[in-house]
Every structure is written in C-alpha cells, then in structure tokens.
C-alpha cells in the first residue's frame, strides 16, 4: 500500500493530519467513503434530559442497561427504554423516529 492509498481499516490516509483533539470514529454501516462529522456539544447536566436506552437484543444487554438506567436516574435524567427486534438488522425507521422525537440523547447497548 502506498502513502496515497487510504487505510483499509479507517479509510483515512496514513499521513493525513488530524485537527488537534480530533477523534477517529469508525462507522459500522460500511460507508464507501469516510465522512467528517462534528461532535455534538455535551450538555452541562443530565438534569431534565430524557435519555433513550436502546437494547439491540444481544445477550446481557439488558443487564448493562438496567444498571445504566439506575445511574442516569441518580443524575436527574428521565430514562425511556427501547428494543430492536433483532441485533442482525438496523433499527426499523419507526423505532428510530420514536427515539428521535422522544429523547434528548440515546445510548445503544452492545453486550454479549
């Protein structure tokens, strides 16, 4: 592989400069080309926020989310629980819409 070829793992050029403090996130949806996306600003507090917890239906994901729900509740967040029908496919559009309209943020559980 030459210096001009993008990395097969990250899709980024090996010698390309990254802005200071930049974090490389890989998109698991097999996008053909990498896309720069700005990070959303952090909220100063969880007080009053509605956080969606999405269970993708892998083993023990619910155990992780149960604990996370307790921790978020102690920090002032309202928690709504959602579940994908199967972990093998993306969440259905209606479920994604429901989460987007009801929640300020979402955490997806990936566990085994």
C-alpha atoms as a PDB file:
ATOM      1  CA  UNK A   1       0.000   0.000   0.000  1.00  0.00           C
ATOM      2  CA  UNK A   2       1.318   3.429  -0.890  1.00  0.00           C
ATOM      3  CA  UNK A   3       1.157   6.603   1.205  1.00  0.00           C
ATOM      4  CA  UNK A   4      -1.601   7.879  -1.074  1.00  0.00           C
ATOM      5  CA  UNK A   5      -3.898   4.885  -0.534  1.00  0.00           C
ATOM      6  CA  UNK A   6      -6.393   5.177   2.295  1.00  0.00           C
ATOM      7  CA  UNK A   7      -6.133   2.652   5.096  1.00  0.00           C
ATOM      8  CA  UNK A   8      -8.490  -0.297   4.525  1.00  0.00           C
ATOM      9  CA  UNK A   9      -9.405  -0.148   8.209  1.00  0.00           C
ATOM     10  CA  UNK A  10     -10.091   3.543   8.712  1.00  0.00           C
ATOM     11  CA  UNK A  11     -10.493   4.909   5.188  1.00  0.00           C
ATOM     12  CA  UNK A  12      -8.126   7.745   6.094  1.00  0.00           C
ATOM     13  CA  UNK A  13      -4.813   8.495   4.506  1.00  0.00           C
ATOM     14  CA  UNK A  14      -1.954   7.362   6.781  1.00  0.00           C
ATOM     15  CA  UNK A  15      -0.121  10.693   6.635  1.00  0.00           C
ATOM     16  CA  UNK A  16      -3.182  12.937   6.804  1.00  0.00           C
ATOM     17  CA  UNK A  17      -3.118  15.461   9.628  1.00  0.00           C
ATOM     18  CA  UNK A  18      -5.984  15.437  12.097  1.00  0.00           C
ATOM     19  CA  UNK A  19      -7.119  18.560  13.926  1.00  0.00           C
ATOM     20  CA  UNK A  20      -5.878  18.847  17.491  1.00  0.00           C
ATOM     21  CA  UNK A  21      -8.113  16.838  19.820  1.00  0.00           C
ATOM     22  CA  UNK A  22      -9.808  15.040  16.909  1.00  0.00           C
ATOM     23  CA  UNK A  23     -11.117  11.553  17.498  1.00  0.00           C
ATOM     24  CA  UNK A  24     -11.393   8.982  14.726  1.00  0.00           C
ATOM     25  CA  UNK A  25     -14.726   7.166  14.862  1.00  0.00           C
ATOM     26  CA  UNK A  26     -15.425   4.282  12.529  1.00  0.00           C
ATOM     27  CA  UNK A  27     -18.898   3.991  11.016  1.00  0.00           C
ATOM     28  CA  UNK A  28     -20.043   0.346  11.145  1.00  0.00           C
ATOM     29  CA  UNK A  29     -22.544   0.849   8.308  1.00  0.00           C
ATOM     30  CA  UNK A  30     -19.896   0.138   5.653  1.00  0.00           C
ATOM     31  CA  UNK A  31     -19.960   3.558   4.100  1.00  0.00           C
ATOM     32  CA  UNK A  32     -17.889   3.654   0.914  1.00  0.00           C
ATOM     33  CA  UNK A  33     -16.028   6.838   1.873  1.00  0.00           C
ATOM     34  CA  UNK A  34     -15.293   8.323   5.246  1.00  0.00           C
ATOM     35  CA  UNK A  35     -17.219  11.438   6.201  1.00  0.00           C
ATOM     36  CA  UNK A  36     -16.172  14.106   8.664  1.00  0.00           C
ATOM     37  CA  UNK A  37     -18.869  14.742  11.248  1.00  0.00           C
ATOM     38  CA  UNK A  38     -18.804  17.295  14.029  1.00  0.00           C
ATOM     39  CA  UNK A  39     -19.365  16.031  17.560  1.00  0.00           C
ATOM     40  CA  UNK A  40     -22.490  17.315  19.271  1.00  0.00           C
ATOM     41  CA  UNK A  41     -21.742  19.611  22.194  1.00  0.00           C
ATOM     42  CA  UNK A  42     -22.103  17.992  25.621  1.00  0.00           C
ATOM     43  CA  UNK A  43     -24.951  19.073  27.854  1.00  0.00           C
ATOM     44  CA  UNK A  44     -23.755  20.666  31.108  1.00  0.00           C
ATOM     45  CA  UNK A  45     -26.002  18.343  33.146  1.00  0.00           C
ATOM     46  CA  UNK A  46     -28.354  15.395  32.769  1.00  0.00           C
ATOM     47  CA  UNK A  47     -30.990  17.159  34.884  1.00  0.00           C
ATOM     48  CA  UNK A  48     -34.260  17.250  32.988  1.00  0.00           C
ATOM     49  CA  UNK A  49     -32.976  15.373  29.943  1.00  0.00           C
ATOM     50  CA  UNK A  50     -34.711  12.336  28.509  1.00  0.00           C
ATOM     51  CA  UNK A  51     -32.224   9.607  27.670  1.00  0.00           C
ATOM     52  CA  UNK A  52     -33.245   6.679  25.483  1.00  0.00           C
ATOM     53  CA  UNK A  53     -31.657   3.314  26.157  1.00  0.00           C
ATOM     54  CA  UNK A  54     -31.735   1.070  23.095  1.00  0.00           C
ATOM     55  CA  UNK A  55     -31.378  -2.658  23.662  1.00  0.00           C
ATOM     56  CA  UNK A  56     -30.263  -4.319  20.445  1.00  0.00           C
ATOM     57  CA  UNK A  57     -31.302  -7.732  21.825  1.00  0.00           C
ATOM     58  CA  UNK A  58     -27.890  -9.263  22.319  1.00  0.00           C
ATOM     59  CA  UNK A  59     -27.355 -11.428  25.393  1.00  0.00           C
ATOM     60  CA  UNK A  60     -26.897  -9.479  28.648  1.00  0.00           C
ATOM     61  CA  UNK A  61     -27.521  -6.090  27.019  1.00  0.00           C
ATOM     62  CA  UNK A  62     -30.496  -5.682  29.337  1.00  0.00           C
ATOM     63  CA  UNK A  63     -28.261  -6.248  32.371  1.00  0.00           C
ATOM     64  CA  UNK A  64     -25.999  -3.411  31.273  1.00  0.00           C
ATOM     65  CA  UNK A  65     -28.959  -1.131  30.529  1.00  0.00           C
ATOM     66  CA  UNK A  66     -30.628  -1.878  33.886  1.00  0.00           C
ATOM     67  CA  UNK A  67     -27.529  -0.630  35.692  1.00  0.00           C
ATOM     68  CA  UNK A  68     -27.129   2.342  33.373  1.00  0.00           C
ATOM     69  CA  UNK A  69     -30.771   3.310  33.924  1.00  0.00           C
ATOM     70  CA  UNK A  70     -30.156   3.422  37.689  1.00  0.00           C
ATOM     71  CA  UNK A  71     -27.060   5.592  37.275  1.00  0.00           C
ATOM     72  CA  UNK A  72     -28.752   8.016  34.889  1.00  0.00           C
ATOM     73  CA  UNK A  73     -31.766   8.315  37.193  1.00  0.00           C
ATOM     74  CA  UNK A  74     -29.480   9.247  40.098  1.00  0.00           C
ATOM     75  CA  UNK A  75     -28.094  12.053  37.932  1.00  0.00           C
ATOM     76  CA  UNK A  76     -31.511  13.585  37.185  1.00  0.00           C
ATOM     77  CA  UNK A  77     -32.305  12.077  33.784  1.00  0.00           C
ATOM     78  CA  UNK A  78     -35.595  10.564  32.725  1.00  0.00           C
ATOM     79  CA  UNK A  79     -34.954   7.230  31.029  1.00  0.00           C
ATOM     80  CA  UNK A  80     -37.009   5.613  28.276  1.00  0.00           C
ATOM     81  CA  UNK A  81     -36.288   2.042  27.192  1.00  0.00           C
ATOM     82  CA  UNK A  82     -36.454   0.805  23.605  1.00  0.00           C
ATOM     83  CA  UNK A  83     -35.556  -2.512  21.965  1.00  0.00           C
ATOM     84  CA  UNK A  84     -34.688  -3.537  18.438  1.00  0.00           C
ATOM     85  CA  UNK A  85     -36.481  -6.656  17.189  1.00  0.00           C
ATOM     86  CA  UNK A  86     -33.135  -8.254  16.299  1.00  0.00           C
ATOM     87  CA  UNK A  87     -29.462  -7.329  16.523  1.00  0.00           C
ATOM     88  CA  UNK A  88     -28.837  -8.580  12.985  1.00  0.00           C
ATOM     89  CA  UNK A  89     -30.525  -5.643  11.255  1.00  0.00           C
ATOM     90  CA  UNK A  90     -30.667  -1.867  11.707  1.00  0.00           C
ATOM     91  CA  UNK A  91     -33.435  -0.499  13.905  1.00  0.00           C
ATOM     92  CA  UNK A  92     -36.681  -0.026  11.971  1.00  0.00           C
ATOM     93  CA  UNK A  93     -37.414   3.514  10.777  1.00  0.00           C
ATOM     94  CA  UNK A  94     -40.452   3.882  13.057  1.00  0.00           C
ATOM     95  CA  UNK A  95     -38.363   2.944  16.109  1.00  0.00           C
ATOM     96  CA  UNK A  96     -35.621   5.412  15.130  1.00  0.00           C
ATOM     97  CA  UNK A  97     -38.257   8.123  14.668  1.00  0.00           C
ATOM     98  CA  UNK A  98     -39.824   7.347  18.066  1.00  0.00           C
ATOM     99  CA  UNK A  99     -36.444   7.613  19.786  1.00  0.00           C
ATOM    100  CA  UNK A 100     -35.520  10.819  17.920  1.00  0.00           C
ATOM    101  CA  UNK A 101     -38.786  12.553  18.832  1.00  0.00           C
ATOM    102  CA  UNK A 102     -38.892  11.482  22.488  1.00  0.00           C
ATOM    103  CA  UNK A 103     -35.258  11.635  23.589  1.00  0.00           C
ATOM    104  CA  UNK A 104     -32.531  14.240  24.021  1.00  0.00           C
ATOM    105  CA  UNK A 105     -29.872  11.533  23.658  1.00  0.00           C
ATOM    106  CA  UNK A 106     -29.663   7.783  23.161  1.00  0.00           C
ATOM    107  CA  UNK A 107     -27.317   5.066  24.388  1.00  0.00           C
ATOM    108  CA  UNK A 108     -27.202   1.801  22.486  1.00  0.00           C
ATOM    109  CA  UNK A 109     -26.243  -1.334  24.412  1.00  0.00           C
ATOM    110  CA  UNK A 110     -23.784  -3.687  22.771  1.00  0.00           C
ATOM    111  CA  UNK A 111     -23.139  -6.667  25.013  1.00  0.00           C
ATOM    112  CA  UNK A 112     -22.527 -10.407  24.961  1.00  0.00           C
END
